[in-house]
N, C-alpha and C. Protein backbone atom coordinates (compact mmCIF):
# COMPACT_ATOMS: atom_id res chain seq x y z
N MET A 1 1.18 -1.15 -0.02
CA MET A 1 0.16 0.16 -0.10
C MET A 1 1.40 1.20 -0.20
N ASN A 2 0.84 1.95 -1.07
CA ASN A 2 1.77 3.18 -1.06
C ASN A 2 0.73 4.12 -0.98
N VAL A 3 0.35 5.10 0.33
CA VAL A 3 -0.09 5.73 0.88
C VAL A 3 0.70 6.86 0.35
N ASN A 4 1.52 7.21 0.21
CA ASN A 4 2.52 8.48 -0.37
C ASN A 4 1.72 9.01 -1.94
N ALA A 5 1.51 7.99 -2.16
CA ALA A 5 0.71 8.16 -3.71
C ALA A 5 -0.92 9.27 -3.20
N LEU A 6 -1.05 9.32 -2.29
CA LEU A 6 -2.60 10.05 -2.01
C LEU A 6 -2.27 11.18 -1.14
N GLN A 7 -0.98 11.70 -1.22
CA GLN A 7 -0.01 13.03 -0.59
C GLN A 7 -0.93 14.43 -1.56
N ASP A 8 -0.88 14.37 -2.72
CA ASP A 8 -0.90 15.37 -3.88
C ASP A 8 -2.36 14.93 -3.98
N MET A 9 -3.08 14.41 -3.51
CA MET A 9 -4.43 14.06 -4.11
C MET A 9 -5.73 14.85 -3.32
N THR A 10 -6.79 15.23 -3.88
CA THR A 10 -8.01 16.02 -3.09
C THR A 10 -9.08 15.07 -3.61
N ILE A 11 -9.65 15.03 -2.09
CA ILE A 11 -10.34 13.81 -2.29
C ILE A 11 -12.34 14.86 -1.73
N LEU A 12 -12.95 14.25 -2.55
CA LEU A 12 -14.38 14.61 -1.78
C LEU A 12 -14.82 13.57 -1.24
N PHE A 13 -15.63 13.63 0.12
CA PHE A 13 -16.18 12.67 0.46
C PHE A 13 -17.92 13.01 0.52
N VAL A 14 -18.75 12.17 -0.02
CA VAL A 14 -20.06 12.78 0.23
C VAL A 14 -21.19 11.67 1.18
N ASP A 15 -21.86 12.42 2.13
CA ASP A 15 -22.19 11.35 2.74
C ASP A 15 -23.50 12.33 3.94
N ASP A 16 -24.85 12.01 3.61
CA ASP A 16 -25.57 12.97 4.67
C ASP A 16 -25.73 12.55 6.15
N GLU A 17 -24.72 11.32 6.68
CA GLU A 17 -24.19 12.12 7.80
C GLU A 17 -23.22 12.52 8.56
N GLU A 18 -23.24 13.28 9.44
CA GLU A 18 -22.58 14.30 9.93
C GLU A 18 -21.14 13.44 10.84
N ILE A 19 -21.71 12.72 11.14
CA ILE A 19 -20.99 11.62 12.24
C ILE A 19 -19.73 11.42 10.77
N ALA A 20 -20.30 10.09 9.53
CA ALA A 20 -19.12 9.63 9.07
C ALA A 20 -18.61 10.91 8.41
N GLN A 21 -18.71 12.19 8.20
CA GLN A 21 -18.08 12.77 7.38
C GLN A 21 -17.00 13.48 8.20
N GLU A 22 -17.19 13.80 9.60
CA GLU A 22 -15.91 13.95 10.57
C GLU A 22 -15.04 12.78 10.90
N GLN A 23 -15.58 11.53 11.21
CA GLN A 23 -14.57 10.30 10.73
C GLN A 23 -13.90 10.38 9.46
N MET A 24 -14.40 10.28 8.21
CA MET A 24 -13.70 10.47 6.95
C MET A 24 -12.69 11.58 7.28
N LYS A 25 -13.31 12.89 7.33
CA LYS A 25 -11.86 13.90 7.39
C LYS A 25 -10.61 14.20 8.36
N LEU A 26 -11.44 13.15 9.76
CA LEU A 26 -9.92 12.84 10.66
C LEU A 26 -8.93 11.81 10.13
N VAL A 27 -9.47 11.01 9.92
CA VAL A 27 -8.57 9.96 9.12
C VAL A 27 -7.83 10.21 7.51
N LEU A 28 -8.66 10.86 6.62
CA LEU A 28 -7.99 11.38 5.58
C LEU A 28 -6.95 12.69 5.71
N SER A 29 -7.33 13.34 6.18
CA SER A 29 -6.41 14.94 6.17
C SER A 29 -4.93 14.33 6.85
N SER A 30 -4.40 13.27 7.18
CA SER A 30 -3.59 12.78 7.96
C SER A 30 -2.97 12.24 6.20
N PHE A 31 -3.46 12.30 5.03
CA PHE A 31 -2.76 11.55 3.90
C PHE A 31 -3.09 12.25 3.05
N CYS A 32 -4.08 13.14 2.78
CA CYS A 32 -4.73 13.94 1.67
C CYS A 32 -3.87 14.85 1.83
N LYS A 33 -4.10 15.65 0.36
CA LYS A 33 -3.67 16.84 0.61
C LYS A 33 -4.61 18.20 0.80
N ASN A 34 -6.09 17.19 0.90
CA ASN A 34 -7.30 18.34 0.67
C ASN A 34 -8.16 17.59 0.83
N THR A 35 -9.24 17.34 1.97
CA THR A 35 -10.20 16.90 1.71
C THR A 35 -11.33 17.28 2.52
N ILE A 36 -12.50 17.36 1.24
CA ILE A 36 -13.65 17.70 1.30
C ILE A 36 -14.72 17.46 1.99
N CYS A 37 -15.61 17.17 2.44
CA CYS A 37 -17.00 16.91 2.53
C CYS A 37 -18.09 17.71 2.60
N VAL A 38 -18.84 16.90 1.91
CA VAL A 38 -20.43 17.78 1.70
C VAL A 38 -21.26 16.43 2.26
N GLY A 39 -23.08 17.22 2.53
CA GLY A 39 -23.74 16.62 2.63
C GLY A 39 -24.67 15.96 1.99
N SER A 40 -25.06 16.62 0.52
CA SER A 40 -25.64 16.05 -0.47
C SER A 40 -24.78 16.06 -2.10
N THR A 41 -25.53 15.61 -2.84
CA THR A 41 -25.26 14.71 -4.13
C THR A 41 -25.31 16.79 -4.47
N GLU A 42 -26.14 17.23 -4.41
CA GLU A 42 -26.30 18.92 -5.20
C GLU A 42 -24.75 19.91 -4.59
N GLN A 43 -24.70 19.31 -3.32
CA GLN A 43 -23.28 20.37 -2.67
C GLN A 43 -21.92 19.49 -3.31
N ALA A 44 -22.31 18.40 -3.86
CA ALA A 44 -21.10 18.00 -4.39
C ALA A 44 -20.18 18.05 -5.67
N LEU A 45 -21.60 18.44 -7.07
CA LEU A 45 -21.95 18.84 -8.29
C LEU A 45 -21.15 20.28 -7.57
N HIS A 46 -21.43 21.27 -6.88
CA HIS A 46 -20.92 22.47 -6.27
C HIS A 46 -19.33 22.30 -5.97
N ALA A 47 -18.80 21.94 -5.28
CA ALA A 47 -17.76 20.86 -4.73
C ALA A 47 -16.73 20.45 -5.98
N LEU A 48 -17.39 20.13 -6.82
CA LEU A 48 -16.83 19.50 -8.04
C LEU A 48 -16.14 20.86 -8.71
N GLU A 49 -16.81 21.25 -9.26
CA GLU A 49 -16.45 23.02 -9.90
C GLU A 49 -15.55 23.40 -9.21
N GLU A 50 -15.41 23.63 -7.51
CA GLU A 50 -14.40 24.83 -7.12
C GLU A 50 -13.60 23.89 -7.02
N HIS A 51 -13.71 22.83 -6.65
CA HIS A 51 -12.51 22.48 -5.95
C HIS A 51 -11.20 20.85 -6.78
N HIS A 52 -12.38 20.57 -7.61
CA HIS A 52 -11.72 19.73 -8.60
C HIS A 52 -10.73 18.45 -8.39
N PRO A 53 -11.95 18.06 -7.52
CA PRO A 53 -10.88 16.86 -6.81
C PRO A 53 -10.55 15.34 -7.82
N ASP A 54 -9.69 14.89 -7.30
CA ASP A 54 -9.04 13.88 -7.89
C ASP A 54 -9.71 12.38 -7.79
N ILE A 55 -10.21 12.38 -6.42
CA ILE A 55 -10.94 11.18 -5.84
C ILE A 55 -12.31 11.58 -5.51
N VAL A 56 -13.65 10.91 -5.46
CA VAL A 56 -14.85 11.44 -4.86
C VAL A 56 -15.15 9.96 -4.47
N LEU A 57 -15.50 9.75 -2.89
CA LEU A 57 -16.29 8.98 -2.32
C LEU A 57 -17.92 9.58 -2.23
N THR A 58 -18.98 8.43 -2.25
CA THR A 58 -20.23 9.01 -2.72
C THR A 58 -21.21 7.95 -2.07
N ASP A 59 -21.59 8.08 -0.77
CA ASP A 59 -22.87 7.10 -0.38
C ASP A 59 -23.46 6.89 -1.67
N ILE A 60 -24.45 5.77 -2.01
CA ILE A 60 -25.29 5.22 -2.87
C ILE A 60 -26.60 5.86 -2.93
N ARG A 61 -27.13 5.73 -0.78
CA ARG A 61 -28.26 6.19 -1.14
C ARG A 61 -28.37 7.65 -0.88
N MET A 62 -28.80 8.73 -0.65
CA MET A 62 -28.70 9.90 -0.77
C MET A 62 -30.08 10.72 -0.52
N PRO A 63 -30.33 11.87 0.02
CA PRO A 63 -31.62 12.66 -0.20
C PRO A 63 -30.94 13.31 -1.98
N GLY A 64 -32.58 13.57 -2.51
CA GLY A 64 -32.12 14.12 -3.88
C GLY A 64 -31.57 13.37 -4.70
N LEU A 65 -30.77 13.64 -5.41
CA LEU A 65 -29.92 12.61 -6.39
C LEU A 65 -29.37 11.86 -5.44
N SER A 66 -29.58 10.55 -6.31
CA SER A 66 -28.56 9.55 -5.35
C SER A 66 -27.15 9.55 -5.84
N GLY A 67 -26.70 8.71 -4.97
CA GLY A 67 -24.89 7.86 -5.26
C GLY A 67 -24.41 8.05 -6.62
N ILE A 68 -25.71 7.26 -7.49
CA ILE A 68 -25.27 7.04 -8.89
C ILE A 68 -25.65 7.80 -10.17
N GLU A 69 -26.22 8.29 -9.39
CA GLU A 69 -26.72 9.50 -10.52
C GLU A 69 -25.47 10.32 -10.40
N LEU A 70 -25.01 10.94 -9.20
CA LEU A 70 -24.02 11.55 -9.40
C LEU A 70 -22.29 10.79 -9.60
N LEU A 71 -22.53 9.76 -9.97
CA LEU A 71 -21.95 8.94 -10.34
C LEU A 71 -21.39 9.17 -11.85
N THR A 72 -22.67 9.15 -12.20
CA THR A 72 -23.13 9.39 -13.92
C THR A 72 -23.11 10.48 -14.21
N ALA A 73 -23.26 11.40 -13.35
CA ALA A 73 -22.63 13.23 -13.91
C ALA A 73 -21.71 13.55 -13.92
N ILE A 74 -20.45 13.05 -12.73
CA ILE A 74 -19.32 13.43 -12.79
C ILE A 74 -18.46 12.51 -13.87
N LYS A 75 -18.67 11.62 -14.23
CA LYS A 75 -18.35 10.63 -15.79
C LYS A 75 -18.49 11.65 -16.70
N GLN A 76 -19.84 11.66 -16.57
CA GLN A 76 -19.96 12.58 -18.08
C GLN A 76 -19.06 13.76 -18.13
N LYS A 77 -18.92 14.69 -16.94
CA LYS A 77 -18.17 15.52 -16.68
C LYS A 77 -16.90 15.83 -17.11
N ASP A 78 -16.21 14.78 -16.17
CA ASP A 78 -14.75 14.76 -16.26
C ASP A 78 -14.90 13.48 -15.88
N PRO A 79 -14.49 12.34 -16.85
CA PRO A 79 -14.11 10.72 -16.75
C PRO A 79 -12.60 10.02 -15.98
N ALA A 80 -11.75 11.13 -15.95
CA ALA A 80 -10.76 10.83 -14.80
C ALA A 80 -11.09 11.12 -13.76
N VAL A 81 -12.42 11.63 -13.17
CA VAL A 81 -11.93 11.63 -11.46
C VAL A 81 -12.59 10.36 -11.42
N ALA A 82 -11.77 9.89 -10.18
CA ALA A 82 -12.05 8.22 -10.18
C ALA A 82 -13.49 8.83 -9.02
N VAL A 83 -14.40 7.51 -9.31
CA VAL A 83 -15.55 7.18 -8.03
C VAL A 83 -15.40 6.42 -7.28
N VAL A 84 -15.62 6.40 -6.29
CA VAL A 84 -15.61 5.04 -5.27
C VAL A 84 -17.07 5.35 -4.70
N MET A 85 -17.79 4.43 -4.49
CA MET A 85 -19.11 4.27 -4.50
C MET A 85 -19.08 3.34 -2.85
N VAL A 86 -20.04 4.50 -1.68
CA VAL A 86 -20.41 3.54 -0.42
C VAL A 86 -21.30 3.32 -0.22
N SER A 87 -21.84 2.09 0.46
CA SER A 87 -23.02 1.58 1.18
C SER A 87 -22.63 0.73 2.09
N ALA A 88 -24.22 0.54 2.49
CA ALA A 88 -24.09 -0.27 3.95
C ALA A 88 -24.50 -1.54 3.56
N HIS A 89 -25.12 -1.39 1.85
CA HIS A 89 -25.94 -2.78 1.05
C HIS A 89 -24.53 -3.73 0.37
N SER A 90 -24.53 -4.81 0.58
CA SER A 90 -23.47 -5.33 0.09
C SER A 90 -24.29 -6.47 -0.99
N GLU A 91 -25.53 -6.56 -1.35
CA GLU A 91 -26.16 -7.22 -2.48
C GLU A 91 -25.89 -7.07 -3.50
N PRO A 92 -25.69 -7.65 -4.54
CA PRO A 92 -25.46 -7.56 -5.87
C PRO A 92 -25.75 -6.76 -6.61
N ASP A 93 -26.86 -6.30 -6.44
CA ASP A 93 -27.64 -5.35 -7.39
C ASP A 93 -26.70 -3.93 -7.24
N TYR A 94 -26.30 -3.68 -5.75
CA TYR A 94 -25.89 -2.52 -5.62
C TYR A 94 -24.55 -2.72 -6.25
N LEU A 95 -23.74 -3.58 -6.35
CA LEU A 95 -22.42 -3.68 -6.47
C LEU A 95 -22.78 -3.57 -8.47
N LEU A 96 -23.51 -4.39 -9.10
CA LEU A 96 -23.24 -3.97 -10.14
C LEU A 96 -24.09 -2.97 -10.31
N ASP A 97 -25.09 -2.23 -10.30
CA ASP A 97 -25.37 -1.10 -10.38
C ASP A 97 -23.84 -0.13 -10.58
N ALA A 98 -23.33 -0.02 -9.53
CA ALA A 98 -22.17 0.91 -9.36
C ALA A 98 -21.05 0.97 -10.28
N PHE A 99 -20.71 -0.49 -10.89
CA PHE A 99 -20.12 -0.75 -11.49
C PHE A 99 -20.37 -0.44 -13.06
N ARG A 100 -22.29 -0.89 -13.48
CA ARG A 100 -22.59 -0.66 -14.59
C ARG A 100 -22.33 0.68 -14.97
N HIS A 101 -22.11 1.51 -13.92
CA HIS A 101 -21.77 2.92 -14.17
C HIS A 101 -20.80 3.72 -14.44
N LYS A 102 -19.87 2.71 -14.25
CA LYS A 102 -18.22 2.64 -14.33
C LYS A 102 -17.83 3.48 -13.19
N ALA A 103 -17.78 2.53 -12.03
CA ALA A 103 -17.35 2.97 -10.50
C ALA A 103 -15.68 2.84 -10.40
N ASP A 104 -14.94 3.21 -9.79
CA ASP A 104 -14.18 2.92 -9.84
C ASP A 104 -13.35 2.12 -8.79
N GLY A 105 -14.87 2.11 -7.91
CA GLY A 105 -13.77 1.26 -6.32
C GLY A 105 -15.60 1.04 -5.82
N TYR A 106 -15.46 0.28 -4.77
CA TYR A 106 -16.58 -0.37 -3.49
C TYR A 106 -16.55 -0.30 -2.15
N LEU A 107 -17.20 0.61 -1.49
CA LEU A 107 -16.93 0.54 0.21
C LEU A 107 -17.60 0.24 0.45
N LEU A 108 -17.95 -0.72 1.89
CA LEU A 108 -19.71 -0.82 2.45
C LEU A 108 -18.67 -0.56 4.10
N LYS A 109 -20.27 0.02 4.83
CA LYS A 109 -19.89 0.58 6.08
C LYS A 109 -20.81 -0.60 6.63
N PRO A 110 -20.20 -0.59 7.74
CA PRO A 110 -19.07 0.03 8.13
C PRO A 110 -17.53 0.56 8.05
N PHE A 111 -17.14 1.22 7.78
CA PHE A 111 -15.68 1.22 7.42
C PHE A 111 -14.50 0.74 7.57
N ASN A 112 -13.89 0.09 7.04
CA ASN A 112 -13.05 -0.75 7.37
C ASN A 112 -11.88 0.31 6.56
N PHE A 113 -11.19 1.05 7.69
CA PHE A 113 -10.59 1.97 7.16
C PHE A 113 -8.94 1.71 6.24
N HIS A 114 -8.31 0.54 6.69
CA HIS A 114 -7.24 0.20 6.23
C HIS A 114 -7.53 -0.01 5.09
N GLU A 115 -9.21 -0.98 4.74
CA GLU A 115 -8.78 -1.34 3.17
C GLU A 115 -9.41 -0.17 2.47
N MET A 116 -10.09 0.56 2.87
CA MET A 116 -10.52 2.18 2.29
C MET A 116 -8.75 2.79 1.69
N LEU A 117 -8.11 3.24 2.81
CA LEU A 117 -6.88 3.07 2.11
C LEU A 117 -6.25 2.99 1.31
N GLU A 118 -5.94 1.71 1.47
CA GLU A 118 -5.57 0.52 0.75
C GLU A 118 -6.39 0.46 -0.70
N LEU A 119 -7.21 1.14 -1.51
CA LEU A 119 -8.25 1.37 -2.25
C LEU A 119 -7.40 2.50 -2.74
N LEU A 120 -7.66 3.68 -2.11
CA LEU A 120 -7.54 4.96 -2.21
C LEU A 120 -6.10 5.26 -2.79
N SER A 121 -5.18 4.04 -1.74
CA SER A 121 -3.71 4.78 -2.15
C SER A 121 -3.03 3.97 -3.84
N ASP A 122 -4.25 2.65 -4.36
CA ASP A 122 -3.70 1.89 -5.40
C ASP A 122 -4.68 3.16 -6.67
N ILE A 123 -6.08 3.66 -6.25
CA ILE A 123 -6.47 4.81 -7.16
C ILE A 123 -5.68 6.00 -7.28
N ALA A 124 -4.60 5.85 -6.44
CA ALA A 124 -4.07 7.51 -6.47
C ALA A 124 -3.09 6.97 -7.40
N THR A 125 -2.21 6.05 -7.00
CA THR A 125 -0.94 5.23 -7.38
C THR A 125 -1.14 5.34 -8.71
N GLN A 126 -2.37 4.67 -9.67
CA GLN A 126 -3.05 4.86 -11.02
C GLN A 126 -2.98 6.40 -11.45
N LYS A 127 -3.14 7.11 -10.88
CA LYS A 127 -3.86 8.54 -11.27
C LYS A 127 -2.57 9.19 -11.57
N VAL A 128 -1.31 9.12 -10.49
CA VAL A 128 -0.04 9.52 -10.43
C VAL A 128 1.00 9.04 -11.92
N ALA A 129 0.13 8.00 -11.88
CA ALA A 129 1.05 7.05 -13.21
C ALA A 129 0.89 7.36 -14.82
N ALA A 130 -0.46 7.57 -15.07
CA ALA A 130 -1.51 8.15 -15.78
C ALA A 130 -1.12 9.24 -15.98
N ASN A 131 -0.77 10.39 -14.96
CA ASN A 131 -0.81 11.72 -15.27
C ASN A 131 0.62 12.13 -15.72
N ARG A 132 1.68 11.03 -15.14
CA ARG A 132 3.11 11.24 -15.97
C ARG A 132 3.51 10.80 -16.97
N GLU A 133 2.69 9.75 -17.67
CA GLU A 133 2.32 9.37 -19.38
C GLU A 133 2.07 10.58 -19.95
N THR A 134 0.75 10.91 -19.53
CA THR A 134 -0.03 12.13 -20.15
C THR A 134 1.24 13.10 -20.61
N LYS A 135 1.85 13.73 -19.61
CA LYS A 135 2.44 15.12 -19.52
C LYS A 135 3.79 14.56 -20.62
N GLN A 136 4.35 13.33 -20.11
CA GLN A 136 5.64 13.15 -21.07
C GLN A 136 4.99 12.93 -22.72
N GLY A 137 4.06 12.46 -22.72
CA GLY A 137 3.44 12.09 -24.70
C GLY A 137 3.13 13.49 -24.69
N ALA A 138 2.69 14.70 -24.12
CA ALA A 138 2.04 15.71 -24.09
C ALA A 138 3.19 16.81 -24.60
N GLY A 139 4.31 16.49 -23.75
CA GLY A 139 5.61 16.98 -24.12
C GLY A 139 6.72 17.11 -25.56
N LYS A 140 6.49 15.60 -25.43
CA LYS A 140 7.10 14.67 -26.84
C LYS A 140 5.79 15.46 -28.16
N SER A 141 4.75 15.18 -28.23
CA SER A 141 4.24 15.64 -29.71
C SER A 141 4.66 17.23 -29.46
N ASP A 142 4.43 18.20 -28.89
CA ASP A 142 4.61 19.45 -28.86
C ASP A 142 6.24 20.07 -29.47
N PHE A 143 6.72 19.19 -28.91
CA PHE A 143 8.30 19.29 -29.59
C PHE A 143 8.28 18.79 -30.56
N LEU A 144 7.89 17.06 -30.71
CA LEU A 144 7.49 17.06 -31.85
C LEU A 144 7.47 17.90 -32.93
N LEU A 145 6.21 18.73 -32.77
CA LEU A 145 5.69 19.54 -34.23
C LEU A 145 6.89 20.69 -33.85
N LYS A 146 7.09 21.24 -33.04
CA LYS A 146 8.11 22.11 -33.12
C LYS A 146 9.52 22.25 -33.96
N ILE A 147 9.74 20.86 -33.78
CA ILE A 147 11.09 20.82 -34.75
C ILE A 147 10.68 19.66 -36.11
N LEU A 148 9.36 19.51 -36.41
CA LEU A 148 9.03 18.81 -37.53
C LEU A 148 8.68 20.48 -38.30
N ASP A 149 8.21 21.08 -37.86
CA ASP A 149 8.37 22.85 -38.68
C ASP A 149 9.85 23.11 -39.52
N THR A 150 10.49 22.75 -38.60
CA THR A 150 11.95 22.89 -39.94
C THR A 150 11.98 21.85 -40.75
N LEU A 151 11.60 20.95 -40.81
CA LEU A 151 12.26 19.76 -41.64
C LEU A 151 11.11 18.99 -42.22
N GLY A 152 11.66 18.22 -43.16
CA GLY A 152 10.24 17.58 -44.00
C GLY A 152 11.24 16.05 -44.19
N GLY A 153 10.18 15.62 -44.95
CA GLY A 153 10.76 14.38 -45.96
C GLY A 153 11.00 13.55 -45.07
N ARG A 154 12.21 12.75 -45.43
CA ARG A 154 13.18 11.38 -44.76
C ARG A 154 13.64 12.02 -43.28
N ARG A 155 14.06 12.88 -43.26
CA ARG A 155 14.41 13.87 -42.22
C ARG A 155 13.23 13.68 -41.12
N ALA A 156 12.22 14.26 -41.52
CA ALA A 156 11.47 14.24 -40.43
C ALA A 156 10.96 13.09 -39.68
N GLU A 157 11.07 12.05 -40.57
CA GLU A 157 10.90 10.58 -40.35
C GLU A 157 11.62 10.26 -39.23
N ILE A 158 13.04 10.52 -39.63
CA ILE A 158 14.02 10.00 -38.81
C ILE A 158 14.23 10.75 -37.48
N ILE A 159 13.55 11.63 -37.52
CA ILE A 159 13.55 12.29 -36.05
C ILE A 159 12.23 12.13 -35.24
N GLU A 160 11.09 11.66 -35.93
CA GLU A 160 10.10 11.17 -35.23
C GLU A 160 10.74 9.49 -34.49
N TYR A 161 10.58 8.72 -35.31
CA TYR A 161 11.70 7.20 -35.05
C TYR A 161 12.48 7.66 -33.71
N VAL A 162 13.25 8.90 -33.81
CA VAL A 162 14.33 8.51 -32.55
C VAL A 162 13.11 9.37 -31.23
N ILE A 163 12.34 9.92 -31.33
CA ILE A 163 11.05 10.99 -30.48
C ILE A 163 10.66 9.24 -29.69
N ASN A 164 10.01 8.67 -31.26
CA ASN A 164 9.06 7.52 -30.50
C ASN A 164 10.20 6.12 -29.42
N HIS A 165 11.09 6.42 -29.72
CA HIS A 165 12.43 5.58 -29.40
C HIS A 165 13.09 5.61 -28.35
N LEU A 166 12.50 6.70 -27.41
CA LEU A 166 13.00 7.66 -26.56
C LEU A 166 12.58 6.85 -25.07
N ASP A 167 13.65 6.26 -24.41
CA ASP A 167 13.49 5.53 -23.17
C ASP A 167 12.80 6.71 -21.93
N ALA A 168 12.55 5.93 -20.89
CA ALA A 168 12.03 7.24 -19.70
C ALA A 168 13.04 8.40 -19.25
N ASP A 169 13.72 8.65 -19.68
CA ASP A 169 14.48 8.91 -19.23
C ASP A 169 15.21 10.16 -20.43
N ASN A 170 14.42 10.11 -21.66
CA ASN A 170 14.78 11.18 -22.66
C ASN A 170 15.74 10.74 -23.29
N MET A 171 16.89 9.18 -23.53
CA MET A 171 17.55 8.80 -24.04
C MET A 171 17.36 7.76 -25.17
N PHE A 172 18.10 7.99 -26.55
CA PHE A 172 17.93 6.96 -27.01
C PHE A 172 19.19 6.26 -27.65
N ASN A 173 19.12 4.94 -27.94
CA ASN A 173 19.96 3.94 -28.40
C ASN A 173 20.14 3.63 -29.39
N GLY A 174 20.96 4.13 -30.64
CA GLY A 174 20.63 3.30 -31.85
C GLY A 174 21.92 4.19 -32.64
N THR A 175 22.17 3.43 -33.55
CA THR A 175 23.42 3.71 -34.49
C THR A 175 22.96 4.54 -35.69
N TYR A 176 23.40 4.93 -36.26
CA TYR A 176 22.85 5.47 -37.67
C TYR A 176 22.63 3.95 -38.54
N ASP A 177 23.39 3.16 -38.67
CA ASP A 177 22.62 1.86 -39.29
C ASP A 177 21.56 1.46 -38.67
N GLU A 178 21.24 1.41 -37.59
CA GLU A 178 20.43 0.39 -37.17
C GLU A 178 19.21 1.55 -37.28
N VAL A 179 19.09 3.10 -37.80
CA VAL A 179 18.05 3.83 -37.76
C VAL A 179 17.74 3.76 -39.42
N ALA A 180 19.11 3.75 -40.25
CA ALA A 180 18.88 3.97 -41.54
C ALA A 180 18.27 2.54 -42.01
N GLU A 181 18.85 0.72 -41.51
CA GLU A 181 17.84 0.03 -41.44
C GLU A 181 16.16 0.01 -41.06
N ALA A 182 16.18 0.27 -40.18
CA ALA A 182 14.45 0.48 -39.33
C ALA A 182 14.00 1.29 -40.04
N LEU A 183 14.00 2.45 -40.94
CA LEU A 183 13.54 3.03 -41.67
C LEU A 183 13.80 3.02 -43.37
N GLY A 184 14.42 2.23 -43.55
CA GLY A 184 14.73 1.91 -45.06
C GLY A 184 14.96 3.25 -45.60
N ALA A 185 16.51 4.09 -44.89
CA ALA A 185 16.34 5.23 -45.43
C ALA A 185 17.88 5.19 -45.73
N SER A 186 18.89 6.28 -46.36
CA SER A 186 20.57 5.99 -47.28
C SER A 186 20.95 6.49 -45.48
N LYS A 187 22.03 5.88 -45.06
CA LYS A 187 22.81 6.27 -44.04
C LYS A 187 23.05 7.70 -44.11
N PRO A 188 23.73 8.58 -45.39
CA PRO A 188 24.15 9.67 -44.88
C PRO A 188 22.60 10.78 -44.75
N THR A 189 21.67 10.24 -44.75
CA THR A 189 20.63 10.79 -44.67
C THR A 189 20.44 10.93 -43.24
N VAL A 190 20.53 9.86 -42.43
CA VAL A 190 20.38 9.34 -41.51
C VAL A 190 21.31 11.00 -40.35
N VAL A 191 22.93 10.23 -41.09
CA VAL A 191 24.11 11.44 -40.57
C VAL A 191 23.32 12.81 -40.68
N ALA A 192 23.36 13.12 -41.34
CA ALA A 192 23.14 14.42 -41.87
C ALA A 192 21.98 15.19 -40.81
N THR A 193 20.93 14.08 -40.52
CA THR A 193 19.68 14.64 -40.16
C THR A 193 19.86 14.97 -38.08
N PHE A 194 21.02 13.37 -38.09
CA PHE A 194 21.42 13.57 -36.80
C PHE A 194 22.47 14.81 -35.93
N GLN A 195 23.17 15.21 -37.39
CA GLN A 195 24.19 16.52 -37.27
C GLN A 195 23.55 17.98 -36.89
N ILE A 196 22.10 17.57 -37.80
CA ILE A 196 21.00 19.25 -37.33
C ILE A 196 20.05 18.93 -36.20
N MET A 197 20.10 17.86 -35.90
CA MET A 197 19.65 18.33 -34.54
C MET A 197 20.55 18.63 -33.67
N LEU A 198 22.26 17.77 -33.81
CA LEU A 198 23.19 18.20 -32.35
C LEU A 198 23.27 19.55 -32.69
N GLU A 199 23.03 19.90 -33.71
CA GLU A 199 23.92 21.48 -34.43
C GLU A 199 22.43 22.31 -33.25
N LYS A 200 21.22 22.06 -33.48
CA LYS A 200 19.88 22.91 -33.13
C LYS A 200 20.30 22.61 -31.70
N ASN A 201 20.95 22.20 -31.37
CA ASN A 201 20.95 21.47 -29.55
C ASN A 201 19.89 20.53 -29.42
N VAL A 202 19.27 20.00 -30.25
CA VAL A 202 18.03 18.86 -29.80
C VAL A 202 18.42 17.59 -29.73
N LEU A 203 19.55 17.23 -29.66
CA LEU A 203 19.81 16.25 -28.66
C LEU A 203 21.80 16.63 -28.81
N THR A 204 22.05 15.46 -27.53
CA THR A 204 23.20 15.61 -27.38
C THR A 204 23.91 14.31 -26.90
N ARG A 205 25.10 14.15 -27.67
CA ARG A 205 25.67 12.83 -27.69
C ARG A 205 26.11 12.21 -26.27
N ILE A 206 26.39 11.69 -26.26
CA ILE A 206 26.45 11.38 -24.65
C ILE A 206 27.69 9.92 -24.67
N LYS A 207 27.80 8.91 -25.67
CA LYS A 207 28.66 7.83 -26.21
C LYS A 207 28.02 7.90 -27.58
N TYR A 208 29.21 6.66 -28.39
CA TYR A 208 28.57 6.18 -29.54
C TYR A 208 27.45 5.55 -29.12
N GLY A 209 26.53 5.78 -30.23
CA GLY A 209 25.25 5.35 -30.75
C GLY A 209 24.44 5.86 -29.05
N THR A 210 24.26 6.29 -28.29
CA THR A 210 23.44 7.08 -27.54
C THR A 210 23.33 8.67 -27.14
N TYR A 211 22.20 9.17 -26.94
CA TYR A 211 22.01 10.31 -26.94
C TYR A 211 20.61 10.39 -26.39
N ARG A 212 21.15 12.09 -25.88
CA ARG A 212 20.07 12.31 -24.61
C ARG A 212 19.34 13.97 -25.69
N MET A 213 17.99 13.46 -25.56
CA MET A 213 17.47 14.52 -26.51
C MET A 213 16.84 15.42 -25.24
N ASN A 214 17.03 16.60 -25.40
CA ASN A 214 16.56 18.01 -24.97
C ASN A 214 15.30 18.16 -25.20
N MET A 215 14.74 17.64 -24.53
CA MET A 215 12.81 18.41 -24.93
C MET A 215 12.66 19.77 -24.66
N ASP A 216 13.57 20.35 -23.92
CA ASP A 216 13.13 21.79 -24.09
C ASP A 216 13.79 22.65 -24.64
N GLY A 217 14.97 21.56 -25.33
CA GLY A 217 15.78 22.72 -26.27
C GLY A 217 17.08 23.02 -25.58
N SER A 218 17.18 22.64 -24.51
CA SER A 218 18.30 23.42 -23.82
C SER A 218 19.53 22.22 -23.73
N ALA A 219 20.54 22.41 -23.17
CA ALA A 219 21.60 21.22 -23.09
C ALA A 219 21.59 20.59 -21.61
């Protein structure tokens, strides 16, 4: 259980029982960046706009809009928000209804706080990993477009190949011959393209066949 993943999370808890809100605030405030507790689904929709939570825990049976209706509204508005349904009922119909509407988890009352933290930690860990991949992917796409504006033809294909084969540290491992063979390009074209990237400070040569790509254009 990686509770450290929760430290940057904002969690919204929705329950019409004040005691449940107080308990949840007490427990989660020790692990999360921000914990918001509200007593109705209408208040939850307002809090969603104001606080942009990463994870929502909501009771299924609520006055007014039900927890399932809140789940549906959240997923329609922002599918990236994780929603965990809470209920005192363990009947299959409740579980099926929750997951049919794309719930990310299901907790039973009375709370087992260890199980709750384990579930929330798993969700937070997945969200952190997904955010990291999204940011890296967006950075590479923006960078690729900026570079491809200055080059075309086979050179653009070579640069795209390099970017698509970077490791997690933005390192590329491959020789001119390997790139030429992979793309069916001539070795002189590959060499010339690498020289342009080196001159523009897009690449830094670490050693033979190993380069670091400077995604921000700086060495």
